[in-house]
Amino acid sequence: MGNWLLPESLADVLPAEARRIEELRRKLLDLYRSYGFELVAPPLVEYIDSLLSGTGSDLDLRTCKLVDQLSGRTLGVRADMTPQVTRIDAHLLNRAGVTRLCYCGNVLHARPADLLSSRELLQIGAEIYGHAGFEADLEIISLVLETLATAGVNQPRLALCHPGVARAVIDADPAASARAKDIILLLREKDVPGLAALVEDGSGVRADTVAALKCLAGLYGGPETMAQARSELPSLPGVTAALDALQKIMDAIPGVECGVDLADIGGYGYHSGVTFALYAEGWHDALVSGGRYDDVSRAFGRARPATGFSLDLRKLARGLPPADRARAVRAPWGQDPALVAAVRQLRHSGEIVVQVLPGHEQSQDEFICDRELTLQDGNWVVRTL
């Protein structure tokens, strides 16, 4: 095996893609700042009990672990930055009112999410802490839509869910509540035969509960799905409240292609309110995901309402058209004070100046040298090639 080979599902980022990613990072962080979000940068590695606090088992399976040689304690390489940002809000900033935080950094997954995914992501996201109302959810979704518009993603499709619907149905039946993890998995896979078998497997799940769960597995589609859900699901307070929350969001974003999937319950023990994912042509799965997670900060000793989103900048960049090559000025290498001054002046004015080293031809994929710095009549001037 050659020393240049990388582990499976890891890859280098080459110049054109790296520039596109960095340009996106700057644009998006500037966008979030314009909304009043403050940038934070948590560490890549921290103690595992802190890193996984309040997140459930899914994140644990995605987290790479190692032993700290200084303390002997187990460390985790972050697989998601959201818990770290939640820790910063709850424990370090400790503010009483609303806090808006954004972030961007690398995360590592122990295994890729699917055959087309990388194990290393460049995660960027934004979170609002301290407001439990619909307004924070709407601001986050509006920011997600503007994020994709800024990146040049056309006609994204918004898919909404609310774990409160399934939670209300499951919690109304003690036997179903004891099997909640299994039931959520069956719902996510839309395994109707598996749900039907709950009546016969001796678990004691009631027939009316199974009927509601089977109905829930089929409740996905356009806005009309909401009316179907209200007519077919049991009239439990939790179901009604969750559907009302979803409808309020849908009514507030007219003109956006929007649908619901009430069985797409990711992070059942993590999310507490409206969740969402955005899809677009050119990407094989969700491009952005997020939602409300009010209970996560409780693990840090201070419960705070929270909602937010994140996405992988590398994944976003891969589906966009190739970046245009930048215009540059070609200049000879030399120590002539007038040449050095001319090159410095061009760079200070915002130009890219590529000096050709002695004995080499200029060979770069990133720049188009459409001008050249040449000596004419004792002066260094730029001429068009």
Protein backbone atom coordinates (compact mmCIF):
# COMPACT_ATOMS: atom_id res chain seq x y z
CA MET A 1 0.00 0.00 0.00
CA GLY A 2 1.41 3.36 -1.04
CA ASN A 3 2.05 6.01 1.58
CA TRP A 4 -0.09 8.40 -0.45
CA LEU A 5 -3.28 6.38 -0.03
CA LEU A 6 -5.94 7.66 2.38
CA PRO A 7 -8.35 5.68 4.57
CA GLU A 8 -11.67 4.70 3.04
CA SER A 9 -14.24 7.51 2.65
CA LEU A 10 -11.65 10.25 3.23
CA ALA A 11 -10.31 12.50 0.48
CA ASP A 12 -8.05 15.46 -0.17
CA VAL A 13 -9.64 18.70 -1.33
CA LEU A 14 -7.84 20.04 -4.39
CA PRO A 15 -7.38 23.72 -5.32
CA ALA A 16 -10.53 24.55 -7.30
CA GLU A 17 -12.85 22.78 -4.84
CA ALA A 18 -10.99 24.15 -1.83
CA ARG A 19 -11.39 27.69 -3.13
CA ARG A 20 -15.10 27.16 -3.79
CA ILE A 21 -15.58 25.80 -0.26
CA GLU A 22 -13.66 28.69 1.32
CA GLU A 23 -15.62 31.26 -0.68
CA LEU A 24 -18.87 29.66 0.48
CA ARG A 25 -17.67 29.61 4.08
CA ARG A 26 -16.91 33.33 4.03
CA LYS A 27 -20.19 34.27 2.33
CA LEU A 28 -22.30 32.19 4.68
CA LEU A 29 -20.61 33.33 7.88
CA ASP A 30 -21.04 36.93 6.71
CA LEU A 31 -24.71 36.18 6.04
CA TYR A 32 -25.18 34.76 9.54
CA ARG A 33 -23.43 37.75 11.05
CA SER A 34 -25.89 40.03 9.25
CA TYR A 35 -28.65 38.22 11.16
CA GLY A 36 -26.87 38.84 14.47
CA PHE A 37 -25.26 35.42 14.92
CA GLU A 38 -21.96 35.34 16.83
CA LEU A 39 -19.20 32.99 15.68
CA VAL A 40 -17.81 30.35 18.08
CA ALA A 41 -15.09 27.73 17.56
CA PRO A 42 -15.21 24.74 19.93
CA PRO A 43 -12.31 22.23 20.08
CA LEU A 44 -12.07 19.27 17.72
CA VAL A 45 -11.76 16.82 20.64
CA GLU A 46 -13.26 16.81 24.13
CA TYR A 47 -14.26 14.40 26.89
CA ILE A 48 -16.76 11.89 25.60
CA ASP A 49 -19.27 12.36 28.41
CA SER A 50 -19.51 16.06 27.57
CA LEU A 51 -19.48 15.55 23.81
CA LEU A 52 -22.40 13.12 23.83
CA SER A 53 -24.49 14.67 26.62
CA GLY A 54 -28.17 14.62 25.78
CA THR A 55 -27.67 13.44 22.20
CA GLY A 56 -28.87 9.82 22.23
CA SER A 57 -27.22 6.71 20.83
CA ASP A 58 -27.03 7.71 17.15
CA LEU A 59 -24.24 10.22 17.71
CA ASP A 60 -22.37 7.79 19.97
CA LEU A 61 -22.11 5.28 17.11
CA ARG A 62 -20.75 7.98 14.76
CA THR A 63 -18.09 9.23 17.20
CA CYS A 64 -14.45 8.14 17.04
CA LYS A 65 -12.98 7.62 20.52
CA LEU A 66 -9.47 7.67 21.95
CA VAL A 67 -7.74 7.83 25.33
CA ASP A 68 -6.32 11.12 26.60
CA GLN A 69 -2.68 10.48 27.54
CA LEU A 70 -2.77 13.35 30.06
CA SER A 71 -5.87 12.40 32.06
CA GLY A 72 -6.50 8.77 31.10
CA ARG A 73 -10.10 9.66 30.30
CA THR A 74 -11.90 8.81 27.07
CA LEU A 75 -11.99 11.56 24.45
CA GLY A 76 -14.22 11.85 21.42
CA VAL A 77 -13.49 13.43 18.04
CA ARG A 78 -16.63 15.43 17.39
CA ALA A 79 -19.10 14.01 14.88
CA ASP A 80 -21.46 16.98 15.28
CA MET A 81 -20.72 20.49 16.54
CA THR A 82 -24.23 21.28 17.78
CA PRO A 83 -23.80 19.69 21.25
CA GLN A 84 -20.57 21.65 21.70
CA VAL A 85 -22.26 24.94 20.79
CA THR A 86 -25.10 24.07 23.18
CA ARG A 87 -22.53 23.54 25.93
CA ILE A 88 -21.01 26.95 25.19
CA ASP A 89 -24.41 28.66 25.42
CA ALA A 90 -25.52 26.85 28.58
CA HIS A 91 -22.28 26.74 30.54
CA LEU A 92 -19.84 29.39 29.29
CA LEU A 93 -21.91 32.31 28.01
CA ASN A 94 -24.70 31.72 30.55
CA ARG A 95 -26.86 34.52 29.16
CA ALA A 96 -30.43 35.08 30.29
CA GLY A 97 -31.92 36.18 26.97
CA VAL A 98 -31.76 35.04 23.37
CA THR A 99 -28.36 34.02 22.03
CA ARG A 100 -27.61 33.44 18.36
CA LEU A 101 -24.47 31.41 17.64
CA CYS A 102 -22.93 30.16 14.39
CA TYR A 103 -19.94 27.91 13.72
CA CYS A 104 -17.90 26.19 11.04
CA GLY A 105 -15.41 23.35 11.51
CA ASN A 106 -14.42 19.82 10.59
CA VAL A 107 -16.22 16.83 12.05
CA LEU A 108 -15.32 13.15 11.73
CA HIS A 109 -17.67 10.17 11.47
CA ALA A 110 -16.59 6.68 12.49
CA ARG A 111 -18.47 5.35 9.46
CA PRO A 112 -19.87 7.12 6.40
CA ALA A 113 -23.60 7.77 6.48
CA ASP A 114 -24.00 5.97 3.13
CA LEU A 115 -21.96 4.75 0.16
CA LEU A 116 -21.69 8.25 -1.34
CA SER A 117 -20.83 10.14 1.85
CA SER A 118 -17.48 11.15 3.30
CA ARG A 119 -16.39 10.46 6.87
CA GLU A 120 -14.95 13.98 7.20
CA LEU A 121 -17.39 16.87 6.88
CA LEU A 122 -16.92 20.62 7.04
CA GLN A 123 -19.96 21.46 9.13
CA ILE A 124 -21.44 24.94 9.15
CA GLY A 125 -24.56 25.89 11.05
CA ALA A 126 -26.46 28.33 13.22
CA GLU A 127 -28.42 27.97 16.46
CA ILE A 128 -30.88 30.16 18.39
CA TYR A 129 -31.04 29.65 22.18
CA GLY A 130 -33.46 31.09 24.71
CA HIS A 131 -36.72 31.39 22.74
CA ALA A 132 -39.28 28.58 22.73
CA GLY A 133 -41.71 30.22 20.32
CA PHE A 134 -42.50 29.70 16.67
CA GLU A 135 -40.58 32.88 15.78
CA ALA A 136 -37.18 31.25 16.37
CA ASP A 137 -38.13 28.22 14.24
CA LEU A 138 -39.25 30.51 11.43
CA GLU A 139 -36.05 32.59 11.61
CA ILE A 140 -33.92 29.45 11.37
CA ILE A 141 -35.85 28.10 8.39
CA SER A 142 -35.73 31.51 6.69
CA LEU A 143 -31.97 31.60 7.24
CA VAL A 144 -31.62 28.11 5.76
CA LEU A 145 -33.50 29.19 2.64
CA GLU A 146 -31.29 32.27 2.30
CA THR A 147 -28.21 30.09 2.87
CA LEU A 148 -29.08 27.96 -0.13
CA ALA A 149 -29.98 31.00 -2.23
CA THR A 150 -26.60 32.57 -1.39
CA ALA A 151 -24.87 29.34 -2.46
CA GLY A 152 -26.77 29.29 -5.75
CA VAL A 153 -29.01 26.30 -5.04
CA ASN A 154 -32.17 26.56 -7.12
CA GLN A 155 -35.67 25.49 -6.05
CA PRO A 156 -34.94 23.63 -2.80
CA ARG A 157 -37.70 21.45 -1.38
CA LEU A 158 -38.49 21.69 2.33
CA ALA A 159 -39.61 18.55 4.18
CA LEU A 160 -41.10 19.05 7.64
CA CYS A 161 -41.72 16.67 10.52
CA HIS A 162 -42.58 16.82 14.21
CA PRO A 163 -41.62 13.97 16.55
CA GLY A 164 -44.45 15.04 18.85
CA VAL A 165 -46.96 13.29 16.59
CA ALA A 166 -45.37 9.86 16.98
CA ARG A 167 -44.47 10.56 20.61
CA ALA A 168 -48.10 11.30 21.51
CA VAL A 169 -49.29 8.06 19.89
CA ILE A 170 -46.57 5.96 21.52
CA ASP A 171 -46.86 7.52 24.98
CA ALA A 172 -50.62 6.90 25.05
CA ASP A 173 -49.88 3.15 25.19
CA PRO A 174 -47.52 1.99 27.99
CA ALA A 175 -46.59 -1.17 26.06
CA ALA A 176 -45.70 0.89 22.99
CA SER A 177 -43.72 3.34 25.12
CA ALA A 178 -41.56 0.44 26.34
CA ARG A 179 -40.80 -0.41 22.69
CA ALA A 180 -40.33 3.20 21.53
CA LYS A 181 -36.89 2.74 19.95
CA ASP A 182 -38.01 -0.26 17.91
CA ILE A 183 -41.18 1.47 16.81
CA ILE A 184 -39.35 4.62 15.71
CA LEU A 185 -37.01 2.52 13.58
CA LEU A 186 -39.97 0.76 11.96
CA LEU A 187 -41.62 4.12 11.27
CA ARG A 188 -38.49 5.60 9.72
CA GLU A 189 -38.21 2.59 7.42
CA LYS A 190 -41.99 2.71 6.78
CA ASP A 191 -42.12 -0.97 7.65
CA VAL A 192 -45.89 -1.46 7.83
CA PRO A 193 -45.68 -5.30 8.17
CA GLY A 194 -43.22 -4.83 11.04
CA LEU A 195 -45.63 -2.43 12.74
CA ALA A 196 -48.54 -4.82 12.21
CA ALA A 197 -46.54 -7.62 13.86
CA LEU A 198 -46.44 -5.65 17.12
CA VAL A 199 -49.95 -6.89 17.90
CA GLU A 200 -48.89 -10.53 17.69
CA ASP A 201 -45.37 -10.52 19.18
CA GLY A 202 -46.51 -10.60 22.80
CA SER A 203 -45.39 -7.05 23.58
CA GLY A 204 -48.91 -6.02 24.55
CA VAL A 205 -49.13 -3.06 22.15
CA ARG A 206 -52.80 -2.24 21.62
CA ALA A 207 -54.45 -2.76 18.24
CA ASP A 208 -55.61 0.87 18.05
CA THR A 209 -52.04 2.04 18.66
CA VAL A 210 -50.74 -0.17 15.86
CA ALA A 211 -53.47 1.12 13.55
CA ALA A 212 -52.39 4.71 14.30
CA LEU A 213 -48.73 3.85 13.73
CA LYS A 214 -49.51 2.16 10.39
CA CYS A 215 -51.41 5.26 9.37
CA LEU A 216 -48.50 7.46 10.46
CA ALA A 217 -46.08 5.50 8.26
CA GLY A 218 -48.12 6.51 5.22
CA LEU A 219 -48.48 10.18 6.08
CA TYR A 220 -46.01 11.81 3.72
CA GLY A 221 -46.50 14.08 0.73
CA GLY A 222 -47.54 17.64 0.00
CA PRO A 223 -49.45 20.14 2.15
CA GLU A 224 -52.60 18.07 1.70
CA THR A 225 -51.05 15.48 4.02
CA MET A 226 -51.82 17.74 6.97
CA ALA A 227 -55.59 17.44 6.45
CA GLN A 228 -55.23 13.68 6.05
CA ALA A 229 -53.29 13.48 9.32
CA ARG A 230 -55.95 15.41 11.22
CA SER A 231 -58.70 13.15 9.94
CA GLU A 232 -56.96 9.79 10.34
CA LEU A 233 -54.81 10.10 13.48
CA PRO A 234 -56.29 9.85 16.99
CA SER A 235 -57.36 13.16 18.52
CA LEU A 236 -54.69 13.28 21.18
CA PRO A 237 -53.59 16.69 22.57
CA GLY A 238 -49.97 16.00 21.60
CA VAL A 239 -50.92 15.11 18.03
CA THR A 240 -53.03 18.25 17.63
CA ALA A 241 -50.34 20.53 19.09
CA ALA A 242 -47.64 19.06 16.83
CA LEU A 243 -49.79 19.37 13.69
CA ASP A 244 -50.69 22.95 14.62
CA ALA A 245 -46.98 23.81 14.97
CA LEU A 246 -46.22 22.35 11.54
CA GLN A 247 -49.15 24.15 9.91
CA LYS A 248 -48.06 27.47 11.39
CA ILE A 249 -44.61 27.10 9.81
CA MET A 250 -46.06 26.10 6.44
CA ASP A 251 -48.43 29.10 6.44
CA ALA A 252 -45.52 31.46 7.20
CA ILE A 253 -43.40 30.48 4.17
CA PRO A 254 -45.61 30.83 1.10
CA GLY A 255 -43.90 30.25 -2.23
CA VAL A 256 -41.59 27.55 -0.86
CA GLU A 257 -42.09 24.00 -2.14
CA CYS A 258 -43.01 22.30 1.09
CA GLY A 259 -44.06 18.82 2.19
CA VAL A 260 -44.32 16.71 5.31
CA ASP A 261 -43.20 13.23 6.30
CA LEU A 262 -44.55 12.45 9.74
CA ALA A 263 -42.63 9.16 9.94
CA ASP A 264 -39.19 10.65 9.15
CA ILE A 265 -38.24 10.87 12.82
CA GLY A 266 -34.50 11.33 13.10
CA GLY A 267 -33.13 11.80 16.61
CA TYR A 268 -36.30 10.79 18.45
CA GLY A 269 -34.73 11.33 21.86
CA TYR A 270 -32.97 14.50 20.68
CA HIS A 271 -35.50 16.64 18.83
CA SER A 272 -38.42 18.13 20.72
CA GLY A 273 -40.29 20.19 18.11
CA VAL A 274 -40.50 20.98 14.41
CA THR A 275 -37.71 19.35 12.39
CA PHE A 276 -36.86 19.90 8.75
CA ALA A 277 -34.65 18.83 5.87
CA LEU A 278 -34.00 20.51 2.54
CA TYR A 279 -33.46 18.69 -0.72
CA ALA A 280 -32.38 19.96 -4.13
CA GLU A 281 -31.60 18.58 -7.55
CA GLY A 282 -27.97 17.49 -7.74
CA TRP A 283 -27.71 16.03 -4.22
CA HIS A 284 -28.61 12.42 -3.45
CA ASP A 285 -30.00 13.06 0.04
CA ALA A 286 -30.83 15.91 2.41
CA LEU A 287 -28.60 18.92 1.89
CA VAL A 288 -29.52 20.66 5.16
CA SER A 289 -31.16 19.32 8.31
CA GLY A 290 -32.22 20.88 11.57
CA GLY A 291 -34.99 21.48 14.05
CA ARG A 292 -35.85 22.17 17.66
CA TYR A 293 -34.00 20.43 20.52
CA ASP A 294 -35.08 22.06 23.80
CA ASP A 295 -33.85 19.36 26.19
CA VAL A 296 -30.20 18.89 25.16
CA SER A 297 -28.79 21.72 27.31
CA ARG A 298 -30.36 20.17 30.41
CA ALA A 299 -27.37 17.80 30.53
CA PHE A 300 -25.14 20.87 31.04
CA GLY A 301 -27.17 22.00 34.06
CA ARG A 302 -29.26 24.70 32.39
CA ALA A 303 -32.24 23.84 30.19
CA ARG A 304 -32.59 26.29 27.31
CA PRO A 305 -35.00 26.25 24.34
CA ALA A 306 -32.98 25.75 21.16
CA THR A 307 -33.43 25.42 17.42
CA GLY A 308 -30.92 25.38 14.59
CA PHE A 309 -29.54 23.74 11.47
CA SER A 310 -26.31 22.48 9.95
CA LEU A 311 -24.94 21.36 6.60
CA ASP A 312 -21.74 19.99 5.10
CA LEU A 313 -19.97 22.66 3.04
CA ARG A 314 -17.99 20.05 1.10
CA LYS A 315 -21.18 18.28 0.11
CA LEU A 316 -22.80 21.58 -0.84
CA ALA A 317 -19.84 22.57 -3.01
CA ARG A 318 -19.72 19.23 -4.82
CA GLY A 319 -23.20 19.73 -6.26
CA LEU A 320 -22.59 23.29 -7.49
CA PRO A 321 -21.19 24.23 -10.92
CA PRO A 322 -17.37 24.49 -11.03
CA ALA A 323 -16.03 27.80 -9.80
CA ASP A 324 -14.83 30.27 -12.41
CA ARG A 325 -11.08 30.63 -12.65
CA ALA A 326 -9.76 33.87 -11.21
CA ARG A 327 -8.10 36.51 -13.39
CA ALA A 328 -4.46 37.11 -12.48
CA VAL A 329 -1.41 39.12 -13.51
CA ARG A 330 1.74 37.23 -14.51
CA ALA A 331 4.98 38.83 -13.37
CA PRO A 332 8.66 37.90 -13.68
CA TRP A 333 10.65 37.01 -10.61
CA GLY A 334 13.20 39.61 -9.59
CA GLN A 335 14.65 41.76 -6.81
CA ASP A 336 14.55 45.05 -8.66
CA PRO A 337 13.05 47.53 -6.13
CA ALA A 338 10.76 48.98 -8.80
CA LEU A 339 9.45 45.47 -9.67
CA VAL A 340 8.94 44.58 -6.01
CA ALA A 341 7.06 47.84 -5.46
CA ALA A 342 4.88 47.30 -8.55
CA VAL A 343 3.97 43.77 -7.48
CA ARG A 344 3.19 44.93 -3.94
CA GLN A 345 1.00 47.76 -5.23
CA LEU A 346 -1.00 45.41 -7.47
CA ARG A 347 -1.59 42.97 -4.61
CA HIS A 348 -2.61 45.75 -2.24
CA SER A 349 -5.17 46.89 -4.82
CA GLY A 350 -6.74 43.41 -4.82
CA GLU A 351 -5.06 41.87 -7.85
CA ILE A 352 -3.69 38.33 -7.93
CA VAL A 353 -0.06 38.45 -9.05
CA VAL A 354 1.71 35.19 -9.92
CA GLN A 355 5.46 35.54 -10.15
CA VAL A 356 7.09 32.99 -12.45
CA LEU A 357 10.14 31.51 -10.78
CA PRO A 358 13.34 31.19 -12.85
CA GLY A 359 13.46 28.13 -15.10
CA HIS A 360 9.73 27.35 -14.80
CA GLU A 361 6.60 27.92 -16.80
CA GLN A 362 3.52 29.16 -15.00
CA SER A 363 1.27 26.10 -14.48
CA GLN A 364 -1.83 26.51 -12.30
CA ASP A 365 -5.44 25.47 -12.61
CA GLU A 366 -6.81 28.19 -10.35
CA PHE A 367 -5.88 31.31 -12.27
CA ILE A 368 -6.09 32.71 -15.79
CA CYS A 369 -3.16 35.02 -16.35
CA ASP A 370 -4.79 37.39 -18.83
CA ARG A 371 -2.36 40.23 -18.11
CA GLU A 372 1.36 40.55 -17.67
CA LEU A 373 3.61 42.92 -15.74
CA THR A 374 6.33 44.04 -18.14
CA LEU A 375 9.10 46.62 -18.20
CA GLN A 376 8.44 49.35 -20.78
CA ASP A 377 10.56 52.47 -21.12
CA GLY A 378 11.99 51.93 -17.63
CA ASN A 379 8.57 51.52 -15.97
CA TRP A 380 6.71 48.38 -14.86
CA VAL A 381 3.29 48.37 -16.53
CA VAL A 382 0.47 45.86 -16.90
CA ARG A 383 -0.44 44.85 -20.43
CA THR A 384 -3.22 42.59 -21.66
CA LEU A 385 -2.19 39.20 -23.02
